[in-house]
C-alpha atoms as a PDB file:
ATOM      1  CA  MET A   1       1.423  13.797  11.409  1.00  0.00           C
ATOM      2  CA  SER A   2      -0.557  16.196  13.622  1.00  0.00           C
ATOM      3  CA  ILE A   3      -4.313  16.495  13.313  1.00  0.00           C
ATOM      4  CA  LEU A   4      -6.415  19.633  13.845  1.00  0.00           C
ATOM      5  CA  ILE A   5     -10.086  19.166  14.745  1.00  0.00           C
ATOM      6  CA  LEU A   6     -12.530  22.021  14.380  1.00  0.00           C
ATOM      7  CA  ALA A   7     -14.727  21.697  17.457  1.00  0.00           C
ATOM      8  CA  GLU A   8     -18.464  22.119  17.315  1.00  0.00           C
ATOM      9  CA  HIS A   9     -19.619  23.934  20.436  1.00  0.00           C
ATOM     10  CA  ASP A  10     -22.021  26.495  21.881  1.00  0.00           C
ATOM     11  CA  ASN A  11     -19.319  28.599  23.582  1.00  0.00           C
ATOM     12  CA  ALA A  12     -20.061  26.857  26.861  1.00  0.00           C
ATOM     13  CA  SER A  13     -19.760  23.151  26.073  1.00  0.00           C
ATOM     14  CA  ILE A  14     -18.544  20.809  23.356  1.00  0.00           C
ATOM     15  CA  LYS A  15     -21.166  19.182  21.128  1.00  0.00           C
ATOM     16  CA  SER A  16     -21.159  15.388  21.040  1.00  0.00           C
ATOM     17  CA  ALA A  17     -20.282  15.300  17.323  1.00  0.00           C
ATOM     18  CA  THR A  18     -16.776  16.492  18.203  1.00  0.00           C
ATOM     19  CA  LEU A  19     -16.219  13.387  20.341  1.00  0.00           C
ATOM     20  CA  ASN A  20     -16.885  11.150  17.333  1.00  0.00           C
ATOM     21  CA  VAL A  21     -14.383  13.127  15.272  1.00  0.00           C
ATOM     22  CA  VAL A  22     -11.738  12.596  17.969  1.00  0.00           C
ATOM     23  CA  THR A  23     -12.211   8.834  17.599  1.00  0.00           C
ATOM     24  CA  ALA A  24     -11.790   9.139  13.823  1.00  0.00           C
ATOM     25  CA  ALA A  25      -8.632  11.188  14.374  1.00  0.00           C
ATOM     26  CA  ALA A  26      -7.254   8.538  16.723  1.00  0.00           C
ATOM     27  CA  ALA A  27      -7.772   5.944  13.976  1.00  0.00           C
ATOM     28  CA  ILE A  28      -5.614   8.056  11.647  1.00  0.00           C
ATOM     29  CA  GLY A  29      -2.912   8.386  14.294  1.00  0.00           C
ATOM     30  CA  GLY A  30      -0.859  11.338  15.469  1.00  0.00           C
ATOM     31  CA  ASP A  31      -1.115  14.195  17.949  1.00  0.00           C
ATOM     32  CA  ILE A  32      -4.647  15.582  18.143  1.00  0.00           C
ATOM     33  CA  THR A  33      -5.277  19.303  18.563  1.00  0.00           C
ATOM     34  CA  VAL A  34      -8.774  20.725  18.987  1.00  0.00           C
ATOM     35  CA  LEU A  35      -9.575  24.269  17.851  1.00  0.00           C
ATOM     36  CA  VAL A  36     -12.335  26.076  19.731  1.00  0.00           C
ATOM     37  CA  ALA A  37     -13.233  29.274  17.885  1.00  0.00           C
ATOM     38  CA  GLY A  38     -15.907  31.361  19.571  1.00  0.00           C
ATOM     39  CA  SER A  39     -16.638  34.273  21.862  1.00  0.00           C
ATOM     40  CA  ASP A  40     -16.475  33.946  25.659  1.00  0.00           C
ATOM     41  CA  CYS A  41     -15.708  30.308  24.948  1.00  0.00           C
ATOM     42  CA  ALA A  42     -13.230  29.547  27.738  1.00  0.00           C
ATOM     43  CA  ALA A  43     -15.617  26.966  29.221  1.00  0.00           C
ATOM     44  CA  ALA A  44     -15.814  25.147  25.899  1.00  0.00           C
ATOM     45  CA  GLY A  45     -12.023  25.167  25.711  1.00  0.00           C
ATOM     46  CA  GLU A  46     -11.768  23.631  29.169  1.00  0.00           C
ATOM     47  CA  ALA A  47     -14.289  20.953  28.191  1.00  0.00           C
ATOM     48  CA  ALA A  48     -12.279  20.157  25.059  1.00  0.00           C
ATOM     49  CA  ALA A  49      -9.128  19.752  27.152  1.00  0.00           C
ATOM     50  CA  LYS A  50     -10.814  16.971  29.139  1.00  0.00           C
ATOM     51  CA  ILE A  51     -11.563  14.830  26.069  1.00  0.00           C
ATOM     52  CA  ALA A  52      -9.537  11.626  26.154  1.00  0.00           C
ATOM     53  CA  GLY A  53      -6.883  11.466  23.450  1.00  0.00           C
ATOM     54  CA  VAL A  54      -6.558  15.214  22.867  1.00  0.00           C
ATOM     55  CA  SER A  55      -3.001  16.570  23.167  1.00  0.00           C
ATOM     56  CA  LYS A  56      -3.645  20.312  22.842  1.00  0.00           C
ATOM     57  CA  VAL A  57      -6.538  22.768  22.672  1.00  0.00           C
ATOM     58  CA  LEU A  58      -6.338  26.069  20.807  1.00  0.00           C
ATOM     59  CA  VAL A  59      -8.859  28.692  21.915  1.00  0.00           C
ATOM     60  CA  ALA A  60      -9.587  31.590  19.566  1.00  0.00           C
ATOM     61  CA  ASP A  61     -11.785  33.835  21.692  1.00  0.00           C
ATOM     62  CA  ASN A  62     -12.970  36.824  19.695  1.00  0.00           C
ATOM     63  CA  ALA A  63     -16.257  38.518  18.858  1.00  0.00           C
ATOM     64  CA  ALA A  64     -15.636  37.681  15.180  1.00  0.00           C
ATOM     65  CA  TYR A  65     -16.159  34.011  16.007  1.00  0.00           C
ATOM     66  CA  ALA A  66     -19.203  34.469  18.265  1.00  0.00           C
ATOM     67  CA  ASN A  67     -21.544  32.647  15.905  1.00  0.00           C
ATOM     68  CA  GLN A  68     -18.865  30.622  14.144  1.00  0.00           C
ATOM     69  CA  LEU A  69     -19.531  32.204  10.768  1.00  0.00           C
ATOM     70  CA  ALA A  70     -17.787  30.096   8.140  1.00  0.00           C
ATOM     71  CA  GLU A  71     -16.428  33.162   6.353  1.00  0.00           C
ATOM     72  CA  ASN A  72     -14.515  34.116   9.512  1.00  0.00           C
ATOM     73  CA  VAL A  73     -13.522  30.700  10.833  1.00  0.00           C
ATOM     74  CA  ALA A  74     -12.133  29.357   7.544  1.00  0.00           C
ATOM     75  CA  PRO A  75      -9.290  31.937   7.308  1.00  0.00           C
ATOM     76  CA  LEU A  76      -8.354  31.192  10.916  1.00  0.00           C
ATOM     77  CA  VAL A  77      -8.046  27.469  10.241  1.00  0.00           C
ATOM     78  CA  THR A  78      -6.132  28.144   7.029  1.00  0.00           C
ATOM     79  CA  GLU A  79      -3.650  30.282   8.959  1.00  0.00           C
ATOM     80  CA  LEU A  80      -3.011  27.393  11.364  1.00  0.00           C
ATOM     81  CA  ALA A  81      -3.035  24.670   8.704  1.00  0.00           C
ATOM     82  CA  SER A  82       0.694  24.608   7.930  1.00  0.00           C
ATOM     83  CA  ASP A  83       1.369  22.867  11.246  1.00  0.00           C
ATOM     84  CA  TYR A  84      -0.997  19.981  10.484  1.00  0.00           C
ATOM     85  CA  GLY A  85      -1.374  17.150   8.022  1.00  0.00           C
ATOM     86  CA  TYR A  86      -5.103  16.721   8.608  1.00  0.00           C
ATOM     87  CA  ILE A  87      -7.981  19.082   9.305  1.00  0.00           C
ATOM     88  CA  LEU A  88     -11.106  17.319  10.526  1.00  0.00           C
ATOM     89  CA  ALA A  89     -14.621  18.602  11.171  1.00  0.00           C
ATOM     90  CA  PRO A  90     -17.913  16.882  11.957  1.00  0.00           C
ATOM     91  CA  ALA A  91     -20.187  16.330   8.950  1.00  0.00           C
ATOM     92  CA  THR A  92     -22.834  18.551  10.515  1.00  0.00           C
ATOM     93  CA  THR A  93     -24.389  21.753   9.222  1.00  0.00           C
ATOM     94  CA  THR A  94     -21.507  23.749  10.693  1.00  0.00           C
ATOM     95  CA  GLY A  95     -18.773  21.407   9.520  1.00  0.00           C
ATOM     96  CA  LYS A  96     -20.197  21.163   6.009  1.00  0.00           C
ATOM     97  CA  ASN A  97     -20.306  24.955   5.885  1.00  0.00           C
ATOM     98  CA  VAL A  98     -16.726  25.592   6.982  1.00  0.00           C
ATOM     99  CA  ALA A  99     -14.713  22.664   5.609  1.00  0.00           C
ATOM    100  CA  PRO A 100     -15.219  23.370   1.871  1.00  0.00           C
ATOM    101  CA  ARG A 101     -14.018  26.931   2.376  1.00  0.00           C
ATOM    102  CA  ILE A 102     -10.909  25.669   4.169  1.00  0.00           C
ATOM    103  CA  ALA A 103     -10.210  23.190   1.363  1.00  0.00           C
ATOM    104  CA  ALA A 104     -10.663  25.896  -1.271  1.00  0.00           C
ATOM    105  CA  LEU A 105      -8.333  28.319   0.526  1.00  0.00           C
ATOM    106  CA  LEU A 106      -5.705  25.576   0.827  1.00  0.00           C
ATOM    107  CA  ASP A 107      -6.296  24.468  -2.782  1.00  0.00           C
ATOM    108  CA  VAL A 108      -6.821  20.821  -1.818  1.00  0.00           C
ATOM    109  CA  ALA A 109      -9.627  18.329  -2.367  1.00  0.00           C
ATOM    110  CA  GLN A 110     -12.056  17.776   0.493  1.00  0.00           C
ATOM    111  CA  ILE A 111     -12.893  14.213   1.543  1.00  0.00           C
ATOM    112  CA  SER A 112     -16.490  14.326   2.728  1.00  0.00           C
ATOM    113  CA  ASP A 113     -18.468  12.272   5.211  1.00  0.00           C
ATOM    114  CA  ILE A 114     -15.959   9.504   5.910  1.00  0.00           C
ATOM    115  CA  ILE A 115     -17.231   6.394   7.700  1.00  0.00           C
ATOM    116  CA  ALA A 116     -13.940   4.499   8.084  1.00  0.00           C
ATOM    117  CA  VAL A 117     -10.188   5.055   8.147  1.00  0.00           C
ATOM    118  CA  GLU A 118      -8.322   2.463   6.075  1.00  0.00           C
ATOM    119  CA  SER A 119      -4.876   4.028   6.429  1.00  0.00           C
ATOM    120  CA  ALA A 120      -3.219   7.412   6.823  1.00  0.00           C
ATOM    121  CA  ASP A 121      -4.223   8.437   3.298  1.00  0.00           C
ATOM    122  CA  THR A 122      -7.187   6.155   2.504  1.00  0.00           C
ATOM    123  CA  PHE A 123     -10.751   6.527   3.717  1.00  0.00           C
ATOM    124  CA  LYS A 124     -14.215   5.110   3.059  1.00  0.00           C
ATOM    125  CA  ARG A 125     -17.268   7.249   2.379  1.00  0.00           C
ATOM    126  CA  PRO A 126     -20.814   6.538   1.206  1.00  0.00           C
ATOM    127  CA  ILE A 127     -22.029   7.687  -2.219  1.00  0.00           C
ATOM    128  CA  TYR A 128     -25.345   7.301  -4.044  1.00  0.00           C
ATOM    129  CA  ALA A 129     -27.314   7.640  -0.799  1.00  0.00           C
ATOM    130  CA  GLY A 130     -25.171   4.985   0.854  1.00  0.00           C
ATOM    131  CA  ASN A 131     -25.805   2.316  -1.771  1.00  0.00           C
ATOM    132  CA  ILE A 132     -22.098   2.298  -2.666  1.00  0.00           C
ATOM    133  CA  ILE A 133     -19.127   2.740  -0.346  1.00  0.00           C
ATOM    134  CA  ALA A 134     -16.239   4.477  -2.113  1.00  0.00           C
ATOM    135  CA  THR A 135     -12.633   4.009  -1.030  1.00  0.00           C
ATOM    136  CA  VAL A 136     -10.819   7.319  -1.494  1.00  0.00           C
ATOM    137  CA  GLN A 137      -7.059   7.837  -1.421  1.00  0.00           C
ATOM    138  CA  SER A 138      -5.606  11.324  -1.129  1.00  0.00           C
ATOM    139  CA  ALA A 139      -2.091  12.538  -1.955  1.00  0.00           C
ATOM    140  CA  ASP A 140      -2.717  16.083  -0.695  1.00  0.00           C
ATOM    141  CA  ALA A 141      -0.180  17.345   1.817  1.00  0.00           C
ATOM    142  CA  ILE A 142      -3.021  18.619   4.004  1.00  0.00           C
ATOM    143  CA  LYS A 143      -6.163  16.494   4.043  1.00  0.00           C
ATOM    144  CA  VAL A 144      -9.435  18.291   4.790  1.00  0.00           C
ATOM    145  CA  ILE A 145     -12.001  15.762   5.971  1.00  0.00           C
ATOM    146  CA  THR A 146     -15.544  15.782   7.336  1.00  0.00           C
ATOM    147  CA  VAL A 147     -16.520  12.850   9.550  1.00  0.00           C
ATOM    148  CA  ARG A 148     -19.896  11.125   9.753  1.00  0.00           C
ATOM    149  CA  GLY A 149     -20.331  10.953  13.515  1.00  0.00           C
ATOM    150  CA  THR A 150     -22.655   7.943  13.503  1.00  0.00           C
ATOM    151  CA  ALA A 151     -19.888   5.797  12.006  1.00  0.00           C
ATOM    152  CA  PHE A 152     -17.501   6.306  14.950  1.00  0.00           C
ATOM    153  CA  ASP A 153     -17.927   5.783  18.672  1.00  0.00           C
ATOM    154  CA  ALA A 154     -17.707   8.881  20.826  1.00  0.00           C
ATOM    155  CA  ALA A 155     -14.421   9.476  22.622  1.00  0.00           C
ATOM    156  CA  ALA A 156     -14.612   9.780  26.401  1.00  0.00           C
ATOM    157  CA  ALA A 157     -15.560  13.332  27.375  1.00  0.00           C
ATOM    158  CA  GLU A 158     -13.555  13.027  30.593  1.00  0.00           C
ATOM    159  CA  GLY A 159     -10.109  11.750  31.396  1.00  0.00           C
ATOM    160  CA  GLY A 160      -7.943  13.982  29.246  1.00  0.00           C
ATOM    161  CA  SER A 161      -5.651  16.758  30.416  1.00  0.00           C
ATOM    162  CA  ALA A 162      -4.633  18.646  27.291  1.00  0.00           C
ATOM    163  CA  ALA A 163      -2.740  21.916  27.390  1.00  0.00           C
ATOM    164  CA  VAL A 164      -4.859  24.968  26.500  1.00  0.00           C
ATOM    165  CA  GLU A 165      -3.303  27.698  24.363  1.00  0.00           C
ATOM    166  CA  ALA A 166      -4.896  31.024  23.442  1.00  0.00           C
ATOM    167  CA  ILE A 167      -4.887  32.165  19.807  1.00  0.00           C
ATOM    168  CA  ALA A 168      -4.909  35.932  19.330  1.00  0.00           C
ATOM    169  CA  SER A 169      -5.643  35.847  15.592  1.00  0.00           C
ATOM    170  CA  ALA A 170      -8.952  37.455  14.596  1.00  0.00           C
ATOM    171  CA  HIS A 171     -10.449  37.273  11.117  1.00  0.00           C
ATOM    172  CA  ASP A 172     -13.551  39.285  10.308  1.00  0.00           C
ATOM    173  CA  ALA A 173     -14.180  38.990   6.586  1.00  0.00           C
ATOM    174  CA  GLY A 174     -17.002  41.512   6.805  1.00  0.00           C
ATOM    175  CA  ILE A 175     -19.000  39.722   4.112  1.00  0.00           C
ATOM    176  CA  SER A 176     -21.567  38.053   6.354  1.00  0.00           C
ATOM    177  CA  SER A 177     -23.297  38.774   9.623  1.00  0.00           C
ATOM    178  CA  PHE A 178     -25.373  36.884  12.130  1.00  0.00           C
ATOM    179  CA  VAL A 179     -28.948  38.159  12.084  1.00  0.00           C
ATOM    180  CA  GLY A 180     -30.745  35.844  14.483  1.00  0.00           C
ATOM    181  CA  GLU A 181     -31.972  32.335  15.145  1.00  0.00           C
ATOM    182  CA  GLU A 182     -35.169  30.616  16.171  1.00  0.00           C
ATOM    183  CA  VAL A 183     -34.339  27.666  18.379  1.00  0.00           C
ATOM    184  CA  ALA A 184     -36.941  24.988  18.983  1.00  0.00           C
ATOM    185  CA  VAL A 185     -36.987  24.183  22.694  1.00  0.00           C
ATOM    186  CA  SER A 186     -37.893  20.638  23.679  1.00  0.00           C
ATOM    187  CA  ASP A 187     -37.529  18.413  26.700  1.00  0.00           C
ATOM    188  CA  ARG A 188     -36.813  15.518  24.363  1.00  0.00           C
ATOM    189  CA  PRO A 189     -33.249  14.666  23.308  1.00  0.00           C
ATOM    190  CA  GLU A 190     -31.810  15.996  20.060  1.00  0.00           C
ATOM    191  CA  LEU A 191     -32.233  13.728  17.066  1.00  0.00           C
ATOM    192  CA  THR A 192     -28.527  13.271  16.457  1.00  0.00           C
ATOM    193  CA  ALA A 193     -27.848  12.385  20.115  1.00  0.00           C
ATOM    194  CA  ALA A 194     -30.935  10.318  20.978  1.00  0.00           C
ATOM    195  CA  GLY A 195     -30.667   6.645  21.875  1.00  0.00           C
ATOM    196  CA  VAL A 196     -34.249   6.042  20.736  1.00  0.00           C
ATOM    197  CA  ILE A 197     -36.038   7.742  17.839  1.00  0.00           C
ATOM    198  CA  ILE A 198     -39.599   7.352  16.614  1.00  0.00           C
ATOM    199  CA  SER A 199     -40.244   8.865  13.186  1.00  0.00           C
ATOM    200  CA  GLY A 200     -43.374   9.427  11.144  1.00  0.00           C
ATOM    201  CA  GLY A 201     -43.853   9.575   7.407  1.00  0.00           C
ATOM    202  CA  ARG A 202     -46.474  10.458   4.841  1.00  0.00           C
ATOM    203  CA  GLY A 203     -48.724   7.807   6.378  1.00  0.00           C
ATOM    204  CA  MET A 204     -49.293  10.064   9.395  1.00  0.00           C
ATOM    205  CA  GLN A 205     -51.654  12.050   7.092  1.00  0.00           C
ATOM    206  CA  ASN A 206     -51.258  15.356   8.947  1.00  0.00           C
ATOM    207  CA  GLY A 207     -49.220  17.151  11.576  1.00  0.00           C
ATOM    208  CA  GLU A 208     -51.797  16.723  14.319  1.00  0.00           C
ATOM    209  CA  ASN A 209     -51.374  12.954  14.182  1.00  0.00           C
ATOM    210  CA  PHE A 210     -47.727  13.302  15.208  1.00  0.00           C
ATOM    211  CA  ALA A 211     -49.103  13.794  18.721  1.00  0.00           C
ATOM    212  CA  MET A 212     -49.487  10.007  18.828  1.00  0.00           C
ATOM    213  CA  LEU A 213     -45.776   9.586  18.268  1.00  0.00           C
ATOM    214  CA  GLU A 214     -44.974  12.249  20.850  1.00  0.00           C
ATOM    215  CA  LYS A 215     -46.887  10.298  23.508  1.00  0.00           C
ATOM    216  CA  VAL A 216     -44.862   7.187  22.779  1.00  0.00           C
ATOM    217  CA  ALA A 217     -41.642   9.228  22.633  1.00  0.00           C
ATOM    218  CA  ASP A 218     -42.291  10.709  26.067  1.00  0.00           C
ATOM    219  CA  LYS A 219     -42.649   7.229  27.547  1.00  0.00           C
ATOM    220  CA  LEU A 220     -39.508   5.943  25.834  1.00  0.00           C
ATOM    221  CA  GLY A 221     -37.405   9.057  26.410  1.00  0.00           C
ATOM    222  CA  ALA A 222     -37.108   9.252  22.638  1.00  0.00           C
ATOM    223  CA  ALA A 223     -36.680  11.960  20.029  1.00  0.00           C
ATOM    224  CA  VAL A 224     -39.294  12.455  17.314  1.00  0.00           C
ATOM    225  CA  GLY A 225     -38.227  12.515  13.675  1.00  0.00           C
ATOM    226  CA  ALA A 226     -39.862  12.546  10.274  1.00  0.00           C
ATOM    227  CA  SER A 227     -39.307  11.541   6.682  1.00  0.00           C
ATOM    228  CA  ARG A 228     -38.743  14.085   3.942  1.00  0.00           C
ATOM    229  CA  ALA A 229     -42.230  13.346   2.602  1.00  0.00           C
ATOM    230  CA  ALA A 230     -43.767  14.381   5.928  1.00  0.00           C
ATOM    231  CA  VAL A 231     -41.668  17.540   6.044  1.00  0.00           C
ATOM    232  CA  ASP A 232     -42.407  18.473   2.430  1.00  0.00           C
ATOM    233  CA  ALA A 233     -46.105  17.981   3.111  1.00  0.00           C
ATOM    234  CA  GLY A 234     -45.875  20.520   5.928  1.00  0.00           C
ATOM    235  CA  PHE A 235     -46.712  18.077   8.703  1.00  0.00           C
ATOM    236  CA  VAL A 236     -43.660  19.008  10.805  1.00  0.00           C
ATOM    237  CA  PRO A 237     -40.710  21.461  10.608  1.00  0.00           C
ATOM    238  CA  ASN A 238     -37.618  20.491   8.629  1.00  0.00           C
ATOM    239  CA  ASP A 239     -35.388  20.279  11.701  1.00  0.00           C
ATOM    240  CA  MET A 240     -37.128  16.952  12.381  1.00  0.00           C
ATOM    241  CA  GLN A 241     -36.138  15.464   9.024  1.00  0.00           C
ATOM    242  CA  VAL A 242     -34.094  12.272   9.031  1.00  0.00           C
ATOM    243  CA  GLY A 243     -32.397  11.309   5.785  1.00  0.00           C
ATOM    244  CA  GLN A 244     -29.752  12.133   3.242  1.00  0.00           C
ATOM    245  CA  THR A 245     -30.788  15.796   3.102  1.00  0.00           C
ATOM    246  CA  GLY A 246     -31.784  15.851   6.763  1.00  0.00           C
ATOM    247  CA  LYS A 247     -30.066  14.469   9.841  1.00  0.00           C
ATOM    248  CA  ILE A 248     -27.986  11.295   9.864  1.00  0.00           C
ATOM    249  CA  VAL A 249     -28.817   9.214  12.940  1.00  0.00           C
ATOM    250  CA  ALA A 250     -27.822   5.839  14.350  1.00  0.00           C
ATOM    251  CA  PRO A 251     -29.724   5.308  17.611  1.00  0.00           C
ATOM    252  CA  ASP A 252     -29.985   2.048  19.528  1.00  0.00           C
ATOM    253  CA  LEU A 253     -33.650   1.846  18.491  1.00  0.00           C
ATOM    254  CA  TYR A 254     -35.333   3.455  15.480  1.00  0.00           C
ATOM    255  CA  ILE A 255     -39.102   3.126  15.068  1.00  0.00           C
ATOM    256  CA  ALA A 256     -40.377   4.031  11.606  1.00  0.00           C
ATOM    257  CA  VAL A 257     -44.107   4.694  11.518  1.00  0.00           C
ATOM    258  CA  GLY A 258     -45.904   5.134   8.212  1.00  0.00           C
ATOM    259  CA  ILE A 259     -42.579   5.497   6.388  1.00  0.00           C
ATOM    260  CA  SER A 260     -42.293   3.654   3.080  1.00  0.00           C
ATOM    261  CA  GLY A 261     -38.501   3.559   3.144  1.00  0.00           C
ATOM    262  CA  ALA A 262     -37.309   5.666   0.223  1.00  0.00           C
ATOM    263  CA  ILE A 263     -33.551   5.534  -0.411  1.00  0.00           C
ATOM    264  CA  GLN A 264     -33.217   9.131   0.777  1.00  0.00           C
ATOM    265  CA  HIS A 265     -34.626   8.235   4.195  1.00  0.00           C
ATOM    266  CA  LEU A 266     -32.767   4.939   4.554  1.00  0.00           C
ATOM    267  CA  ALA A 267     -29.471   6.766   3.962  1.00  0.00           C
ATOM    268  CA  GLY A 268     -30.051   8.677   7.180  1.00  0.00           C
ATOM    269  CA  MET A 269     -31.037   5.865   9.544  1.00  0.00           C
ATOM    270  CA  LYS A 270     -30.060   2.422   8.270  1.00  0.00           C
ATOM    271  CA  ASP A 271     -27.057   2.283  10.632  1.00  0.00           C
ATOM    272  CA  SER A 272     -29.433   2.200  13.611  1.00  0.00           C
ATOM    273  CA  LYS A 273     -28.794  -0.767  15.906  1.00  0.00           C
ATOM    274  CA  ILE A 274     -32.404  -2.023  15.844  1.00  0.00           C
ATOM    275  CA  ILE A 275     -35.015  -0.864  13.321  1.00  0.00           C
ATOM    276  CA  VAL A 276     -38.736  -1.397  13.870  1.00  0.00           C
ATOM    277  CA  ALA A 277     -41.153  -0.612  11.049  1.00  0.00           C
ATOM    278  CA  ILE A 278     -44.920  -0.161  11.196  1.00  0.00           C
ATOM    279  CA  ASN A 279     -46.588   0.094   7.801  1.00  0.00           C
ATOM    280  CA  LYS A 280     -49.786  -1.261   6.291  1.00  0.00           C
ATOM    281  CA  ASP A 281     -48.052  -1.936   2.971  1.00  0.00           C
ATOM    282  CA  GLU A 282     -46.294  -5.291   3.303  1.00  0.00           C
ATOM    283  CA  ASP A 283     -44.178  -4.505   0.233  1.00  0.00           C
ATOM    284  CA  ALA A 284     -42.824  -1.225   1.633  1.00  0.00           C
ATOM    285  CA  PRO A 285     -39.013  -1.022   1.175  1.00  0.00           C
ATOM    286  CA  ILE A 286     -38.600  -0.165   4.869  1.00  0.00           C
ATOM    287  CA  PHE A 287     -39.192  -3.821   5.724  1.00  0.00           C
ATOM    288  CA  GLN A 288     -36.025  -4.785   3.829  1.00  0.00           C
ATOM    289  CA  VAL A 289     -33.852  -3.038   6.420  1.00  0.00           C
ATOM    290  CA  ALA A 290     -36.093  -3.514   9.469  1.00  0.00           C
ATOM    291  CA  ASP A 291     -35.154  -5.971  12.197  1.00  0.00           C
ATOM    292  CA  TYR A 292     -38.806  -6.127  13.243  1.00  0.00           C
ATOM    293  CA  GLY A 293     -41.711  -5.331  10.965  1.00  0.00           C
ATOM    294  CA  LEU A 294     -45.396  -4.954  11.750  1.00  0.00           C
ATOM    295  CA  VAL A 295     -47.830  -4.903   8.833  1.00  0.00           C
ATOM    296  CA  ALA A 296     -50.660  -2.935  10.357  1.00  0.00           C
ATOM    297  CA  ASP A 297     -52.561   0.338  10.251  1.00  0.00           C
ATOM    298  CA  LEU A 298     -50.493   2.788  12.284  1.00  0.00           C
ATOM    299  CA  PHE A 299     -53.678   4.351  13.671  1.00  0.00           C
ATOM    300  CA  ASP A 300     -54.385   1.024  15.365  1.00  0.00           C
ATOM    301  CA  ALA A 301     -50.824  -0.038  16.168  1.00  0.00           C
ATOM    302  CA  VAL A 302     -49.451   3.163  17.695  1.00  0.00           C
ATOM    303  CA  PRO A 303     -52.276   3.641  20.258  1.00  0.00           C
ATOM    304  CA  GLU A 304     -51.860  -0.025  21.227  1.00  0.00           C
ATOM    305  CA  LEU A 305     -48.119   0.489  21.651  1.00  0.00           C
ATOM    306  CA  ASP A 306     -48.799   3.594  23.735  1.00  0.00           C
ATOM    307  CA  ALA A 307     -51.217   1.704  25.951  1.00  0.00           C
ATOM    308  CA  ALA A 308     -48.785  -1.164  26.445  1.00  0.00           C
ATOM    309  CA  LEU A 309     -45.889   1.049  27.573  1.00  0.00           C
END
């Protein structure tokens, strides 16, 4: 059965989350088509065509899709859905916004945040903040699925030669509009794409102390994250939050500084390859998932780490 993937992109390039979804689609089996809906997005369509394993790319280039508003993209996907048995999207902010609307329009159940493909109709997904893994079987003719990118390796961004087809269909629901965005600019990698992440929690005491972590991050080429407690306390902006209600990450190295290890936070980072925890409380739950733990005052340990790098 054919699979349609809703690409996440910036109209010029394909976001890495889409590559993970392609791998999930390959595990299901079947011809893989990628839909690029945007405005002046020909470059993104060309990039999608190069992804290994992709058979076809559909490009819907229209001003209505410039900012990929869910209210406009969902009807487009629904119109195309009859040709596919699966509709996949990354479990990102964009994917989580569009996929439920697609499922509702198709009158099918959505399968959210899958981490494994058991068979063509059976998938695994975490529930209860990842403490239980549910096995879900769907009998729907069209399966709408969001994919947790950290659970699947990224497909090769080069090596494919898919055919590119233009889609003339334009859907402007007229019920929402793009007002603006404030984008944080940083030389550091994005949290969801970083190979190394150093995160701070309530133990950092204030936002100014995150400068210590930034120094270490600059030397490691790492991204800087935070726990929900640190965000709620106003130490750092919420786009730095790692956790169940923040960003799900799985870097090669995750350094948790002054983070107790609440279930909400662990749900967002426990799939990291190596976890290092620094906390003065030896009974902190973070040490239960850490590969390396240091019971120490972070205000002593982090400057020492910085000096040693």
